[in-house]
Amino acid sequence: MLQYLPPHLKDFIAREVAAGHYESEEQVIVVALERLADDDDDRITVAEAVAESRAAMDRGETFEMTDDFFQQARERAGENSRRGHRVSDDITY
């Protein structure tokens, strides 16, 4: 199965299996391909979000991101955290 891979990738796979991170060479490849597929899904999701944002801007649905806006976001995040709701790692308060 690994015969078509360059030597540095064969070595990497062997090291991962030897270290006990994976049970087999096949598992390393399957996990890598699943992550690649997830990345593709993420890229599609981001592209869709960007397209929707651009459409909203075209419709005039915008607002200014001022210091007051960010302060209100931090306050909402703090309140959500106190209520036990998960707060994005991007938010600090």
N, C-alpha and C. Protein backbone atom coordinates (compact mmCIF):
# COMPACT_ATOMS: atom_id res chain seq x y z
N MET A 1 0.82 -1.20 0.00
CA MET A 1 0.00 0.00 0.00
C MET A 1 0.86 1.26 0.00
N LEU A 2 1.99 1.22 0.69
CA LEU A 2 2.84 2.40 0.80
C LEU A 2 3.84 2.52 -0.34
N GLN A 3 3.81 1.61 -1.27
CA GLN A 3 4.83 1.57 -2.32
C GLN A 3 4.87 2.84 -3.17
N TYR A 4 3.76 3.58 -3.25
CA TYR A 4 3.71 4.77 -4.09
C TYR A 4 4.05 6.05 -3.33
N LEU A 5 4.31 5.95 -2.05
CA LEU A 5 4.61 7.12 -1.25
C LEU A 5 6.10 7.45 -1.29
N PRO A 6 6.45 8.73 -1.20
CA PRO A 6 7.87 9.10 -1.13
C PRO A 6 8.47 8.60 0.19
N PRO A 7 9.78 8.39 0.21
CA PRO A 7 10.43 7.84 1.40
C PRO A 7 10.17 8.62 2.68
N HIS A 8 10.13 9.94 2.62
CA HIS A 8 9.93 10.71 3.86
C HIS A 8 8.55 10.44 4.46
N LEU A 9 7.54 10.17 3.63
CA LEU A 9 6.21 9.86 4.15
C LEU A 9 6.15 8.43 4.68
N LYS A 10 6.83 7.52 4.00
CA LYS A 10 6.91 6.15 4.52
C LYS A 10 7.56 6.15 5.90
N ASP A 11 8.64 6.93 6.04
CA ASP A 11 9.33 7.02 7.33
C ASP A 11 8.42 7.62 8.40
N PHE A 12 7.70 8.67 8.03
CA PHE A 12 6.78 9.30 8.98
C PHE A 12 5.74 8.31 9.47
N ILE A 13 5.14 7.59 8.54
CA ILE A 13 4.11 6.61 8.89
C ILE A 13 4.69 5.53 9.79
N ALA A 14 5.87 5.05 9.47
CA ALA A 14 6.51 4.02 10.30
C ALA A 14 6.77 4.54 11.71
N ARG A 15 7.22 5.79 11.82
CA ARG A 15 7.48 6.37 13.14
C ARG A 15 6.18 6.50 13.95
N GLU A 16 5.10 6.90 13.30
CA GLU A 16 3.82 7.05 13.99
C GLU A 16 3.32 5.71 14.53
N VAL A 17 3.45 4.66 13.73
CA VAL A 17 3.01 3.32 14.16
C VAL A 17 3.94 2.83 15.27
N ALA A 18 5.25 3.01 15.10
CA ALA A 18 6.21 2.55 16.11
C ALA A 18 6.01 3.26 17.44
N ALA A 19 5.61 4.53 17.39
CA ALA A 19 5.38 5.29 18.62
C ALA A 19 4.07 4.90 19.30
N GLY A 20 3.27 4.09 18.62
CA GLY A 20 2.02 3.65 19.21
C GLY A 20 0.86 4.62 19.00
N HIS A 21 1.07 5.62 18.16
CA HIS A 21 0.00 6.58 17.89
C HIS A 21 -1.11 5.97 17.04
N TYR A 22 -0.75 4.98 16.25
CA TYR A 22 -1.71 4.30 15.37
C TYR A 22 -1.42 2.81 15.41
N GLU A 23 -2.44 2.01 15.12
CA GLU A 23 -2.29 0.56 15.16
C GLU A 23 -1.66 -0.01 13.89
N SER A 24 -1.80 0.74 12.79
CA SER A 24 -1.29 0.21 11.52
C SER A 24 -0.97 1.36 10.57
N GLU A 25 -0.25 1.04 9.52
CA GLU A 25 0.05 2.02 8.48
C GLU A 25 -1.24 2.50 7.82
N GLU A 26 -2.15 1.57 7.61
CA GLU A 26 -3.42 1.92 6.98
C GLU A 26 -4.19 2.93 7.82
N GLN A 27 -4.15 2.76 9.16
CA GLN A 27 -4.86 3.67 10.02
C GLN A 27 -4.29 5.09 9.91
N VAL A 28 -2.99 5.22 9.78
CA VAL A 28 -2.37 6.54 9.61
C VAL A 28 -2.92 7.20 8.36
N ILE A 29 -2.98 6.45 7.29
CA ILE A 29 -3.44 7.00 6.01
C ILE A 29 -4.92 7.34 6.08
N VAL A 30 -5.73 6.47 6.69
CA VAL A 30 -7.16 6.74 6.80
C VAL A 30 -7.40 8.01 7.61
N VAL A 31 -6.72 8.15 8.74
CA VAL A 31 -6.89 9.35 9.57
C VAL A 31 -6.47 10.60 8.80
N ALA A 32 -5.36 10.51 8.08
CA ALA A 32 -4.90 11.66 7.30
C ALA A 32 -5.91 12.05 6.24
N LEU A 33 -6.48 11.07 5.56
CA LEU A 33 -7.47 11.37 4.52
C LEU A 33 -8.77 11.91 5.12
N GLU A 34 -9.15 11.39 6.29
CA GLU A 34 -10.36 11.92 6.94
C GLU A 34 -10.15 13.38 7.34
N ARG A 35 -8.96 13.70 7.84
CA ARG A 35 -8.67 15.10 8.19
C ARG A 35 -8.68 15.99 6.96
N LEU A 36 -8.16 15.48 5.86
CA LEU A 36 -8.17 16.24 4.61
C LEU A 36 -9.60 16.49 4.15
N ALA A 37 -10.44 15.48 4.28
CA ALA A 37 -11.85 15.63 3.90
C ALA A 37 -12.53 16.65 4.81
N ASP A 38 -12.23 16.61 6.11
CA ASP A 38 -12.79 17.59 7.05
C ASP A 38 -12.34 19.00 6.68
N ASP A 39 -11.08 19.14 6.31
CA ASP A 39 -10.57 20.45 5.89
C ASP A 39 -11.34 20.96 4.68
N ASP A 40 -11.63 20.07 3.74
CA ASP A 40 -12.42 20.47 2.57
C ASP A 40 -13.80 20.94 3.00
N ASP A 41 -14.42 20.22 3.94
CA ASP A 41 -15.73 20.62 4.44
C ASP A 41 -15.65 21.99 5.10
N ASP A 42 -14.59 22.23 5.87
CA ASP A 42 -14.41 23.52 6.53
C ASP A 42 -14.24 24.63 5.51
N ARG A 43 -13.48 24.36 4.45
CA ARG A 43 -13.28 25.38 3.42
C ARG A 43 -14.60 25.73 2.75
N ILE A 44 -15.44 24.73 2.52
CA ILE A 44 -16.75 24.98 1.92
C ILE A 44 -17.59 25.82 2.87
N THR A 45 -17.58 25.48 4.14
CA THR A 45 -18.35 26.23 5.13
C THR A 45 -17.88 27.67 5.20
N VAL A 46 -16.58 27.89 5.21
CA VAL A 46 -16.05 29.25 5.25
C VAL A 46 -16.44 29.99 3.98
N ALA A 47 -16.33 29.35 2.84
CA ALA A 47 -16.70 29.99 1.57
C ALA A 47 -18.17 30.38 1.57
N GLU A 48 -19.02 29.51 2.12
CA GLU A 48 -20.45 29.83 2.20
C GLU A 48 -20.69 31.01 3.14
N ALA A 49 -19.98 31.05 4.26
CA ALA A 49 -20.13 32.15 5.22
C ALA A 49 -19.67 33.47 4.60
N VAL A 50 -18.57 33.42 3.87
CA VAL A 50 -18.08 34.63 3.21
C VAL A 50 -19.09 35.11 2.17
N ALA A 51 -19.64 34.19 1.40
CA ALA A 51 -20.63 34.56 0.38
C ALA A 51 -21.86 35.18 1.04
N GLU A 52 -22.33 34.61 2.14
CA GLU A 52 -23.49 35.16 2.84
C GLU A 52 -23.17 36.54 3.41
N SER A 53 -21.97 36.71 3.93
CA SER A 53 -21.58 38.01 4.47
C SER A 53 -21.55 39.07 3.37
N ARG A 54 -21.01 38.70 2.24
CA ARG A 54 -20.97 39.64 1.12
C ARG A 54 -22.39 40.00 0.66
N ALA A 55 -23.28 39.02 0.62
CA ALA A 55 -24.66 39.28 0.23
C ALA A 55 -25.32 40.21 1.24
N ALA A 56 -25.07 40.00 2.53
CA ALA A 56 -25.64 40.87 3.56
C ALA A 56 -25.12 42.30 3.41
N MET A 57 -23.84 42.44 3.11
CA MET A 57 -23.28 43.78 2.89
C MET A 57 -23.93 44.43 1.68
N ASP A 58 -24.13 43.66 0.62
CA ASP A 58 -24.79 44.19 -0.58
C ASP A 58 -26.20 44.68 -0.27
N ARG A 59 -26.85 44.02 0.71
CA ARG A 59 -28.21 44.42 1.10
C ARG A 59 -28.19 45.57 2.11
N GLY A 60 -26.99 46.01 2.48
CA GLY A 60 -26.88 47.11 3.44
C GLY A 60 -27.02 46.68 4.88
N GLU A 61 -26.90 45.38 5.15
CA GLU A 61 -27.05 44.85 6.51
C GLU A 61 -25.70 44.82 7.19
N THR A 62 -25.20 46.00 7.51
CA THR A 62 -23.89 46.09 8.15
C THR A 62 -23.99 46.91 9.43
N PHE A 63 -22.97 46.84 10.24
CA PHE A 63 -22.88 47.65 11.44
C PHE A 63 -21.41 47.91 11.71
N GLU A 64 -21.16 48.97 12.42
CA GLU A 64 -19.78 49.34 12.73
C GLU A 64 -19.31 48.57 13.96
N MET A 65 -18.15 48.00 13.86
CA MET A 65 -17.60 47.22 14.98
C MET A 65 -16.75 48.16 15.83
N THR A 66 -17.41 48.83 16.73
CA THR A 66 -16.77 49.81 17.60
C THR A 66 -16.32 49.16 18.90
N ASP A 67 -15.62 49.93 19.71
CA ASP A 67 -15.23 49.44 21.04
C ASP A 67 -16.47 49.07 21.86
N ASP A 68 -17.53 49.86 21.70
CA ASP A 68 -18.78 49.58 22.41
C ASP A 68 -19.36 48.22 21.98
N PHE A 69 -19.30 47.94 20.68
CA PHE A 69 -19.78 46.65 20.17
C PHE A 69 -19.02 45.50 20.85
N PHE A 70 -17.68 45.61 20.90
CA PHE A 70 -16.88 44.54 21.49
C PHE A 70 -17.13 44.43 23.00
N GLN A 71 -17.33 45.56 23.67
CA GLN A 71 -17.63 45.52 25.10
C GLN A 71 -18.94 44.78 25.34
N GLN A 72 -19.96 45.07 24.52
CA GLN A 72 -21.24 44.37 24.67
C GLN A 72 -21.08 42.87 24.40
N ALA A 73 -20.25 42.52 23.42
CA ALA A 73 -20.02 41.10 23.12
C ALA A 73 -19.34 40.42 24.30
N ARG A 74 -18.36 41.08 24.92
CA ARG A 74 -17.69 40.50 26.08
C ARG A 74 -18.68 40.31 27.24
N GLU A 75 -19.55 41.30 27.42
CA GLU A 75 -20.54 41.19 28.51
C GLU A 75 -21.51 40.03 28.26
N ARG A 76 -21.96 39.90 27.01
CA ARG A 76 -22.85 38.77 26.69
C ARG A 76 -22.13 37.44 26.88
N ALA A 77 -20.86 37.39 26.50
CA ALA A 77 -20.09 36.16 26.66
C ALA A 77 -19.94 35.82 28.14
N GLY A 78 -19.66 36.82 28.95
CA GLY A 78 -19.54 36.59 30.39
C GLY A 78 -20.83 36.07 30.99
N GLU A 79 -21.94 36.67 30.59
CA GLU A 79 -23.25 36.23 31.08
C GLU A 79 -23.55 34.80 30.62
N ASN A 80 -23.26 34.51 29.36
CA ASN A 80 -23.48 33.15 28.85
C ASN A 80 -22.62 32.15 29.60
N SER A 81 -21.38 32.53 29.91
CA SER A 81 -20.49 31.64 30.66
C SER A 81 -21.05 31.37 32.06
N ARG A 82 -21.52 32.43 32.72
CA ARG A 82 -22.10 32.25 34.06
C ARG A 82 -23.33 31.34 34.02
N ARG A 83 -24.05 31.34 32.92
CA ARG A 83 -25.24 30.50 32.78
C ARG A 83 -24.89 29.08 32.34
N GLY A 84 -23.60 28.84 32.14
CA GLY A 84 -23.16 27.50 31.76
C GLY A 84 -23.13 27.23 30.28
N HIS A 85 -23.33 28.27 29.47
CA HIS A 85 -23.27 28.10 28.01
C HIS A 85 -21.82 28.17 27.56
N ARG A 86 -21.50 27.39 26.55
CA ARG A 86 -20.15 27.41 26.02
C ARG A 86 -19.90 28.74 25.33
N VAL A 87 -18.75 29.32 25.64
CA VAL A 87 -18.34 30.58 25.03
C VAL A 87 -17.17 30.29 24.12
N SER A 88 -17.19 30.85 22.92
CA SER A 88 -16.12 30.64 21.95
C SER A 88 -14.77 31.04 22.55
N ASP A 89 -13.74 30.31 22.17
CA ASP A 89 -12.39 30.63 22.63
C ASP A 89 -11.92 31.98 22.09
N ASP A 90 -12.60 32.50 21.07
CA ASP A 90 -12.23 33.78 20.49
C ASP A 90 -12.66 34.95 21.37
N ILE A 91 -13.53 34.70 22.34
CA ILE A 91 -14.07 35.76 23.19
C ILE A 91 -13.34 35.75 24.53
N THR A 92 -12.89 36.91 24.94
CA THR A 92 -12.30 37.04 26.28
C THR A 92 -13.07 38.15 27.01
N TYR A 93 -13.11 38.04 28.30
CA TYR A 93 -13.80 39.04 29.09
C TYR A 93 -13.11 39.18 30.41
